[in-house]
Amino acid sequence: MAYSLWKARFWDQSLVESVIPFLRIDDFKKDFNSKVDEMLQEHELHKKIVKALKILEFNEEQFYKNIKLINDIRKAMLRNYCK
């Protein structure tokens, strides 16, 4: 649940400092406990959303791997052409 909240940028408004932002432990505990209680009321929905997020992250990783492969092929083709 903490991961879900972090990815949703739940604590961004509670970050302090401008150079190295951090979250005070008391703010974390207070916000986390209240939000978890709220999220547990809709646990099945939360599980579905987390599963969907994992699938999206996997697809995103595959997308970036494919982009890297396309760039590698492009470089190889240009090297062969310029020989």
PDB file of N, CA and C in Angstrom:
ATOM      1  N   MET A   1       0.823  -1.189   0.000  1.00  0.00           N
ATOM      2  CA  MET A   1       0.000   0.000   0.000  1.00  0.00           C
ATOM      3  C   MET A   1       0.864   1.249   0.000  1.00  0.00           C
ATOM      4  N   ALA A   2       1.983   1.184   0.715  1.00  0.00           N
ATOM      5  CA  ALA A   2       2.882   2.335   0.722  1.00  0.00           C
ATOM      6  C   ALA A   2       3.432   2.582  -0.675  1.00  0.00           C
ATOM      7  N   TYR A   3       3.733   1.506  -1.398  1.00  0.00           N
ATOM      8  CA  TYR A   3       4.231   1.638  -2.772  1.00  0.00           C
ATOM      9  C   TYR A   3       3.186   2.317  -3.652  1.00  0.00           C
ATOM     10  N   SER A   4       1.935   1.900  -3.507  1.00  0.00           N
ATOM     11  CA  SER A   4       0.848   2.503  -4.286  1.00  0.00           C
ATOM     12  C   SER A   4       0.734   3.993  -3.991  1.00  0.00           C
ATOM     13  N   LEU A   5       0.810   4.338  -2.730  1.00  0.00           N
ATOM     14  CA  LEU A   5       0.718   5.747  -2.353  1.00  0.00           C
ATOM     15  C   LEU A   5       1.909   6.544  -2.873  1.00  0.00           C
ATOM     16  N   TRP A   6       3.087   5.944  -2.818  1.00  0.00           N
ATOM     17  CA  TRP A   6       4.286   6.623  -3.314  1.00  0.00           C
ATOM     18  C   TRP A   6       4.175   6.864  -4.817  1.00  0.00           C
ATOM     19  N   LYS A   7       3.749   5.832  -5.581  1.00  0.00           N
ATOM     20  CA  LYS A   7       3.610   5.970  -7.025  1.00  0.00           C
ATOM     21  C   LYS A   7       2.538   6.999  -7.383  1.00  0.00           C
ATOM     22  N   ALA A   8       1.538   7.134  -6.531  1.00  0.00           N
ATOM     23  CA  ALA A   8       0.480   8.110  -6.772  1.00  0.00           C
ATOM     24  C   ALA A   8       0.889   9.516  -6.309  1.00  0.00           C
ATOM     25  N   ARG A   9       2.114   9.629  -5.802  1.00  0.00           N
ATOM     26  CA  ARG A   9       2.673  10.903  -5.320  1.00  0.00           C
ATOM     27  C   ARG A   9       1.834  11.486  -4.180  1.00  0.00           C
ATOM     28  N   PHE A  10       1.343  10.586  -3.325  1.00  0.00           N
ATOM     29  CA  PHE A  10       0.471  10.966  -2.218  1.00  0.00           C
ATOM     30  C   PHE A  10       1.160  11.923  -1.246  1.00  0.00           C
ATOM     31  N   TRP A  11       2.449  11.711  -1.006  1.00  0.00           N
ATOM     32  CA  TRP A  11       3.158  12.500   0.002  1.00  0.00           C
ATOM     33  C   TRP A  11       3.856  13.731  -0.549  1.00  0.00           C
ATOM     34  N   ASP A  12       3.723  14.027  -1.813  1.00  0.00           N
ATOM     35  CA  ASP A  12       4.430  15.168  -2.378  1.00  0.00           C
ATOM     36  C   ASP A  12       4.128  16.478  -1.656  1.00  0.00           C
ATOM     37  N   GLN A  13       2.900  16.672  -1.244  1.00  0.00           N
ATOM     38  CA  GLN A  13       2.545  17.918  -0.569  1.00  0.00           C
ATOM     39  C   GLN A  13       3.145  17.996   0.835  1.00  0.00           C
ATOM     40  N   SER A  14       3.605  16.873   1.397  1.00  0.00           N
ATOM     41  CA  SER A  14       4.158  16.864   2.748  1.00  0.00           C
ATOM     42  C   SER A  14       5.681  16.932   2.757  1.00  0.00           C
ATOM     43  N   LEU A  15       6.314  16.913   1.585  1.00  0.00           N
ATOM     44  CA  LEU A  15       7.770  16.968   1.533  1.00  0.00           C
ATOM     45  C   LEU A  15       8.267  18.324   2.001  1.00  0.00           C
ATOM     46  N   VAL A  16       9.371  18.310   2.731  1.00  0.00           N
ATOM     47  CA  VAL A  16       9.976  19.551   3.209  1.00  0.00           C
ATOM     48  C   VAL A  16      11.402  19.647   2.690  1.00  0.00           C
ATOM     49  N   GLU A  17      11.938  20.853   2.695  1.00  0.00           N
ATOM     50  CA  GLU A  17      13.253  21.195   2.178  1.00  0.00           C
ATOM     51  C   GLU A  17      13.191  21.300   0.657  1.00  0.00           C
ATOM     52  N   SER A  18      14.102  22.060   0.105  1.00  0.00           N
ATOM     53  CA  SER A  18      14.079  22.257  -1.344  1.00  0.00           C
ATOM     54  C   SER A  18      15.225  21.540  -2.048  1.00  0.00           C
ATOM     55  N   VAL A  19      16.354  21.372  -1.373  1.00  0.00           N
ATOM     56  CA  VAL A  19      17.493  20.728  -2.019  1.00  0.00           C
ATOM     57  C   VAL A  19      17.345  19.212  -1.986  1.00  0.00           C
ATOM     58  N   ILE A  20      17.155  18.650  -0.816  1.00  0.00           N
ATOM     59  CA  ILE A  20      16.931  17.221  -0.659  1.00  0.00           C
ATOM     60  C   ILE A  20      15.595  17.056   0.057  1.00  0.00           C
ATOM     61  N   PRO A  21      14.547  16.836  -0.710  1.00  0.00           N
ATOM     62  CA  PRO A  21      13.229  16.720  -0.071  1.00  0.00           C
ATOM     63  C   PRO A  21      13.119  15.456   0.777  1.00  0.00           C
ATOM     64  N   PHE A  22      12.457  15.583   1.911  1.00  0.00           N
ATOM     65  CA  PHE A  22      12.229  14.418   2.760  1.00  0.00           C
ATOM     66  C   PHE A  22      10.874  14.547   3.425  1.00  0.00           C
ATOM     67  N   LEU A  23      10.437  13.437   3.974  1.00  0.00           N
ATOM     68  CA  LEU A  23       9.133  13.361   4.624  1.00  0.00           C
ATOM     69  C   LEU A  23       9.363  13.092   6.106  1.00  0.00           C
ATOM     70  N   ARG A  24       8.747  13.875   6.941  1.00  0.00           N
ATOM     71  CA  ARG A  24       8.872  13.648   8.382  1.00  0.00           C
ATOM     72  C   ARG A  24       8.136  12.369   8.758  1.00  0.00           C
ATOM     73  N   ILE A  25       8.715  11.594   9.656  1.00  0.00           N
ATOM     74  CA  ILE A  25       8.142  10.299  10.032  1.00  0.00           C
ATOM     75  C   ILE A  25       6.749  10.458  10.636  1.00  0.00           C
ATOM     76  N   ASP A  26       6.539  11.514  11.401  1.00  0.00           N
ATOM     77  CA  ASP A  26       5.210  11.736  11.990  1.00  0.00           C
ATOM     78  C   ASP A  26       4.160  11.999  10.907  1.00  0.00           C
ATOM     79  N   ASP A  27       4.539  12.784   9.879  1.00  0.00           N
ATOM     80  CA  ASP A  27       3.615  13.032   8.767  1.00  0.00           C
ATOM     81  C   ASP A  27       3.316  11.729   8.028  1.00  0.00           C
ATOM     82  N   PHE A  28       4.352  10.922   7.834  1.00  0.00           N
ATOM     83  CA  PHE A  28       4.171   9.641   7.154  1.00  0.00           C
ATOM     84  C   PHE A  28       3.188   8.760   7.920  1.00  0.00           C
ATOM     85  N   LYS A  29       3.429   8.603   9.218  1.00  0.00           N
ATOM     86  CA  LYS A  29       2.581   7.720  10.037  1.00  0.00           C
ATOM     87  C   LYS A  29       1.127   8.186  10.036  1.00  0.00           C
ATOM     88  N   LYS A  30       0.944   9.480  10.250  1.00  0.00           N
ATOM     89  CA  LYS A  30      -0.412  10.023  10.331  1.00  0.00           C
ATOM     90  C   LYS A  30      -1.148   9.827   9.001  1.00  0.00           C
ATOM     91  N   ASP A  31      -0.517  10.244   7.919  1.00  0.00           N
ATOM     92  CA  ASP A  31      -1.152  10.136   6.603  1.00  0.00           C
ATOM     93  C   ASP A  31      -1.308   8.690   6.172  1.00  0.00           C
ATOM     94  N   PHE A  32      -0.295   7.881   6.436  1.00  0.00           N
ATOM     95  CA  PHE A  32      -0.326   6.483   6.003  1.00  0.00           C
ATOM     96  C   PHE A  32      -1.442   5.715   6.703  1.00  0.00           C
ATOM     97  N   ASN A  33      -1.519   5.845   8.013  1.00  0.00           N
ATOM     98  CA  ASN A  33      -2.540   5.101   8.764  1.00  0.00           C
ATOM     99  C   ASN A  33      -3.957   5.476   8.334  1.00  0.00           C
ATOM    100  N   SER A  34      -4.212   6.755   8.166  1.00  0.00           N
ATOM    101  CA  SER A  34      -5.560   7.171   7.771  1.00  0.00           C
ATOM    102  C   SER A  34      -5.880   6.709   6.350  1.00  0.00           C
ATOM    103  N   LYS A  35      -4.926   6.799   5.446  1.00  0.00           N
ATOM    104  CA  LYS A  35      -5.174   6.392   4.059  1.00  0.00           C
ATOM    105  C   LYS A  35      -5.306   4.878   3.943  1.00  0.00           C
ATOM    106  N   VAL A  36      -4.514   4.117   4.698  1.00  0.00           N
ATOM    107  CA  VAL A  36      -4.612   2.659   4.657  1.00  0.00           C
ATOM    108  C   VAL A  36      -5.976   2.207   5.163  1.00  0.00           C
ATOM    109  N   ASP A  37      -6.451   2.813   6.236  1.00  0.00           N
ATOM    110  CA  ASP A  37      -7.790   2.474   6.735  1.00  0.00           C
ATOM    111  C   ASP A  37      -8.845   2.698   5.648  1.00  0.00           C
ATOM    112  N   GLU A  38      -8.709   3.801   4.948  1.00  0.00           N
ATOM    113  CA  GLU A  38      -9.639   4.117   3.866  1.00  0.00           C
ATOM    114  C   GLU A  38      -9.511   3.101   2.722  1.00  0.00           C
ATOM    115  N   MET A  39      -8.275   2.745   2.389  1.00  0.00           N
ATOM    116  CA  MET A  39      -8.040   1.813   1.283  1.00  0.00           C
ATOM    117  C   MET A  39      -8.490   0.393   1.627  1.00  0.00           C
ATOM    118  N   LEU A  40      -8.390   0.013   2.876  1.00  0.00           N
ATOM    119  CA  LEU A  40      -8.804  -1.334   3.272  1.00  0.00           C
ATOM    120  C   LEU A  40     -10.310  -1.531   3.123  1.00  0.00           C
ATOM    121  N   GLN A  41     -11.047  -0.443   3.171  1.00  0.00           N
ATOM    122  CA  GLN A  41     -12.487  -0.538   2.959  1.00  0.00           C
ATOM    123  C   GLN A  41     -12.793  -0.995   1.526  1.00  0.00           C
ATOM    124  N   GLU A  42     -11.892  -0.684   0.606  1.00  0.00           N
ATOM    125  CA  GLU A  42     -12.044  -1.047  -0.800  1.00  0.00           C
ATOM    126  C   GLU A  42     -10.892  -1.953  -1.231  1.00  0.00           C
ATOM    127  N   HIS A  43     -10.649  -3.002  -0.463  1.00  0.00           N
ATOM    128  CA  HIS A  43      -9.471  -3.848  -0.678  1.00  0.00           C
ATOM    129  C   HIS A  43      -9.471  -4.541  -2.041  1.00  0.00           C
ATOM    130  N   GLU A  44     -10.594  -5.033  -2.487  1.00  0.00           N
ATOM    131  CA  GLU A  44     -10.655  -5.719  -3.780  1.00  0.00           C
ATOM    132  C   GLU A  44     -10.315  -4.769  -4.922  1.00  0.00           C
ATOM    133  N   LEU A  45     -10.833  -3.562  -4.848  1.00  0.00           N
ATOM    134  CA  LEU A  45     -10.512  -2.563  -5.862  1.00  0.00           C
ATOM    135  C   LEU A  45      -9.024  -2.244  -5.836  1.00  0.00           C
ATOM    136  N   HIS A  46      -8.474  -2.136  -4.632  1.00  0.00           N
ATOM    137  CA  HIS A  46      -7.045  -1.862  -4.479  1.00  0.00           C
ATOM    138  C   HIS A  46      -6.212  -2.973  -5.127  1.00  0.00           C
ATOM    139  N   LYS A  47      -6.579  -4.224  -4.909  1.00  0.00           N
ATOM    140  CA  LYS A  47      -5.841  -5.343  -5.496  1.00  0.00           C
ATOM    141  C   LYS A  47      -5.893  -5.294  -7.018  1.00  0.00           C
ATOM    142  N   LYS A  48      -7.051  -4.952  -7.579  1.00  0.00           N
ATOM    143  CA  LYS A  48      -7.177  -4.849  -9.034  1.00  0.00           C
ATOM    144  C   LYS A  48      -6.299  -3.743  -9.590  1.00  0.00           C
ATOM    145  N   ILE A  49      -6.276  -2.625  -8.891  1.00  0.00           N
ATOM    146  CA  ILE A  49      -5.472  -1.491  -9.347  1.00  0.00           C
ATOM    147  C   ILE A  49      -3.986  -1.824  -9.273  1.00  0.00           C
ATOM    148  N   VAL A  50      -3.559  -2.466  -8.195  1.00  0.00           N
ATOM    149  CA  VAL A  50      -2.149  -2.847  -8.053  1.00  0.00           C
ATOM    150  C   VAL A  50      -1.761  -3.824  -9.157  1.00  0.00           C
ATOM    151  N   LYS A  51      -2.626  -4.776  -9.457  1.00  0.00           N
ATOM    152  CA  LYS A  51      -2.342  -5.738 -10.534  1.00  0.00           C
ATOM    153  C   LYS A  51      -2.219  -5.013 -11.875  1.00  0.00           C
ATOM    154  N   ALA A  52      -3.106  -4.066 -12.126  1.00  0.00           N
ATOM    155  CA  ALA A  52      -3.049  -3.302 -13.370  1.00  0.00           C
ATOM    156  C   ALA A  52      -1.773  -2.474 -13.446  1.00  0.00           C
ATOM    157  N   LEU A  53      -1.360  -1.900 -12.318  1.00  0.00           N
ATOM    158  CA  LEU A  53      -0.124  -1.117 -12.296  1.00  0.00           C
ATOM    159  C   LEU A  53       1.093  -1.984 -12.574  1.00  0.00           C
ATOM    160  N   LYS A  54       1.115  -3.201 -12.040  1.00  0.00           N
ATOM    161  CA  LYS A  54       2.230  -4.112 -12.303  1.00  0.00           C
ATOM    162  C   LYS A  54       2.301  -4.466 -13.778  1.00  0.00           C
ATOM    163  N   ILE A  55       1.147  -4.698 -14.390  1.00  0.00           N
ATOM    164  CA  ILE A  55       1.119  -5.005 -15.816  1.00  0.00           C
ATOM    165  C   ILE A  55       1.620  -3.815 -16.629  1.00  0.00           C
ATOM    166  N   LEU A  56       1.204  -2.613 -16.254  1.00  0.00           N
ATOM    167  CA  LEU A  56       1.668  -1.410 -16.949  1.00  0.00           C
ATOM    168  C   LEU A  56       3.178  -1.232 -16.814  1.00  0.00           C
ATOM    169  N   GLU A  57       3.715  -1.471 -15.625  1.00  0.00           N
ATOM    170  CA  GLU A  57       5.157  -1.348 -15.426  1.00  0.00           C
ATOM    171  C   GLU A  57       5.914  -2.375 -16.262  1.00  0.00           C
ATOM    172  N   PHE A  58       5.395  -3.600 -16.327  1.00  0.00           N
ATOM    173  CA  PHE A  58       6.017  -4.629 -17.153  1.00  0.00           C
ATOM    174  C   PHE A  58       6.002  -4.209 -18.621  1.00  0.00           C
ATOM    175  N   ASN A  59       4.864  -3.713 -19.085  1.00  0.00           N
ATOM    176  CA  ASN A  59       4.758  -3.266 -20.478  1.00  0.00           C
ATOM    177  C   ASN A  59       5.682  -2.088 -20.760  1.00  0.00           C
ATOM    178  N   GLU A  60       5.822  -1.203 -19.788  1.00  0.00           N
ATOM    179  CA  GLU A  60       6.721  -0.066 -19.943  1.00  0.00           C
ATOM    180  C   GLU A  60       8.164  -0.537 -20.079  1.00  0.00           C
ATOM    181  N   GLU A  61       8.573  -1.501 -19.265  1.00  0.00           N
ATOM    182  CA  GLU A  61       9.927  -2.055 -19.366  1.00  0.00           C
ATOM    183  C   GLU A  61      10.144  -2.695 -20.728  1.00  0.00           C
ATOM    184  N   GLN A  62       9.165  -3.450 -21.216  1.00  0.00           N
ATOM    185  CA  GLN A  62       9.272  -4.074 -22.535  1.00  0.00           C
ATOM    186  C   GLN A  62       9.379  -3.006 -23.625  1.00  0.00           C
ATOM    187  N   PHE A  63       8.618  -1.945 -23.493  1.00  0.00           N
ATOM    188  CA  PHE A  63       8.643  -0.859 -24.456  1.00  0.00           C
ATOM    189  C   PHE A  63      10.046  -0.251 -24.528  1.00  0.00           C
ATOM    190  N   TYR A  64      10.651   0.036 -23.378  1.00  0.00           N
ATOM    191  CA  TYR A  64      11.980   0.636 -23.373  1.00  0.00           C
ATOM    192  C   TYR A  64      13.036  -0.333 -23.905  1.00  0.00           C
ATOM    193  N   LYS A  65      12.879  -1.621 -23.641  1.00  0.00           N
ATOM    194  CA  LYS A  65      13.797  -2.608 -24.217  1.00  0.00           C
ATOM    195  C   LYS A  65      13.677  -2.618 -25.734  1.00  0.00           C
ATOM    196  N   ASN A  66      12.448  -2.548 -26.230  1.00  0.00           N
ATOM    197  CA  ASN A  66      12.242  -2.517 -27.682  1.00  0.00           C
ATOM    198  C   ASN A  66      12.837  -1.258 -28.311  1.00  0.00           C
ATOM    199  N   ILE A  67      12.680  -0.130 -27.654  1.00  0.00           N
ATOM    200  CA  ILE A  67      13.274   1.120 -28.145  1.00  0.00           C
ATOM    201  C   ILE A  67      14.791   0.984 -28.221  1.00  0.00           C
ATOM    202  N   LYS A  68      15.396   0.388 -27.203  1.00  0.00           N
ATOM    203  CA  LYS A  68      16.844   0.197 -27.191  1.00  0.00           C
ATOM    204  C   LYS A  68      17.266  -0.716 -28.338  1.00  0.00           C
ATOM    205  N   LEU A  69      16.529  -1.801 -28.563  1.00  0.00           N
ATOM    206  CA  LEU A  69      16.850  -2.702 -29.668  1.00  0.00           C
ATOM    207  C   LEU A  69      16.722  -2.000 -31.019  1.00  0.00           C
ATOM    208  N   ILE A  70      15.700  -1.189 -31.182  1.00  0.00           N
ATOM    209  CA  ILE A  70      15.525  -0.445 -32.434  1.00  0.00           C
ATOM    210  C   ILE A  70      16.697   0.500 -32.652  1.00  0.00           C
ATOM    211  N   ASN A  71      17.127   1.184 -31.603  1.00  0.00           N
ATOM    212  CA  ASN A  71      18.278   2.083 -31.724  1.00  0.00           C
ATOM    213  C   ASN A  71      19.550   1.319 -32.055  1.00  0.00           C
ATOM    214  N   ASP A  72      19.735   0.138 -31.458  1.00  0.00           N
ATOM    215  CA  ASP A  72      20.906  -0.680 -31.763  1.00  0.00           C
ATOM    216  C   ASP A  72      20.909  -1.124 -33.222  1.00  0.00           C
ATOM    217  N   ILE A  73      19.744  -1.521 -33.715  1.00  0.00           N
ATOM    218  CA  ILE A  73      19.637  -1.934 -35.120  1.00  0.00           C
ATOM    219  C   ILE A  73      19.907  -0.750 -36.036  1.00  0.00           C
ATOM    220  N   ARG A  74      19.388   0.408 -35.682  1.00  0.00           N
ATOM    221  CA  ARG A  74      19.617   1.613 -36.483  1.00  0.00           C
ATOM    222  C   ARG A  74      21.114   1.919 -36.567  1.00  0.00           C
ATOM    223  N   LYS A  75      21.801   1.836 -35.439  1.00  0.00           N
ATOM    224  CA  LYS A  75      23.245   2.098 -35.429  1.00  0.00           C
ATOM    225  C   LYS A  75      23.991   1.090 -36.285  1.00  0.00           C
ATOM    226  N   ALA A  76      23.618  -0.183 -36.166  1.00  0.00           N
ATOM    227  CA  ALA A  76      24.267  -1.230 -36.953  1.00  0.00           C
ATOM    228  C   ALA A  76      24.043  -1.004 -38.446  1.00  0.00           C
ATOM    229  N   MET A  77      22.849  -0.631 -38.829  1.00  0.00           N
ATOM    230  CA  MET A  77      22.560  -0.381 -40.237  1.00  0.00           C
ATOM    231  C   MET A  77      23.383   0.805 -40.755  1.00  0.00           C
ATOM    232  N   LEU A  78      23.483   1.841 -39.947  1.00  0.00           N
ATOM    233  CA  LEU A  78      24.263   3.014 -40.369  1.00  0.00           C
ATOM    234  C   LEU A  78      25.750   2.686 -40.463  1.00  0.00           C
ATOM    235  N   ARG A  79      26.257   1.847 -39.551  1.00  0.00           N
ATOM    236  CA  ARG A  79      27.670   1.433 -39.607  1.00  0.00           C
ATOM    237  C   ARG A  79      27.940   0.657 -40.888  1.00  0.00           C
ATOM    238  N   ASN A  80      27.044  -0.264 -41.221  1.00  0.00           N
ATOM    239  CA  ASN A  80      27.213  -1.050 -42.441  1.00  0.00           C
ATOM    240  C   ASN A  80      27.117  -0.183 -43.683  1.00  0.00           C
ATOM    241  N   TYR A  81      26.235   0.793 -43.662  1.00  0.00           N
ATOM    242  CA  TYR A  81      26.053   1.684 -44.808  1.00  0.00           C
ATOM    243  C   TYR A  81      27.263   2.584 -45.013  1.00  0.00           C
ATOM    244  N   CYS A  82      27.872   3.030 -43.913  1.00  0.00           N
ATOM    245  CA  CYS A  82      28.985   3.988 -43.994  1.00  0.00           C
ATOM    246  C   CYS A  82      30.340   3.325 -44.185  1.00  0.00           C
ATOM    247  N   LYS A  83      30.408   2.006 -44.261  1.00  0.00           N
ATOM    248  CA  LYS A  83      31.700   1.324 -44.449  1.00  0.00           C
ATOM    249  C   LYS A  83      32.314   1.636 -45.755  1.00  0.00           C
TER     250      LYS A  83
END
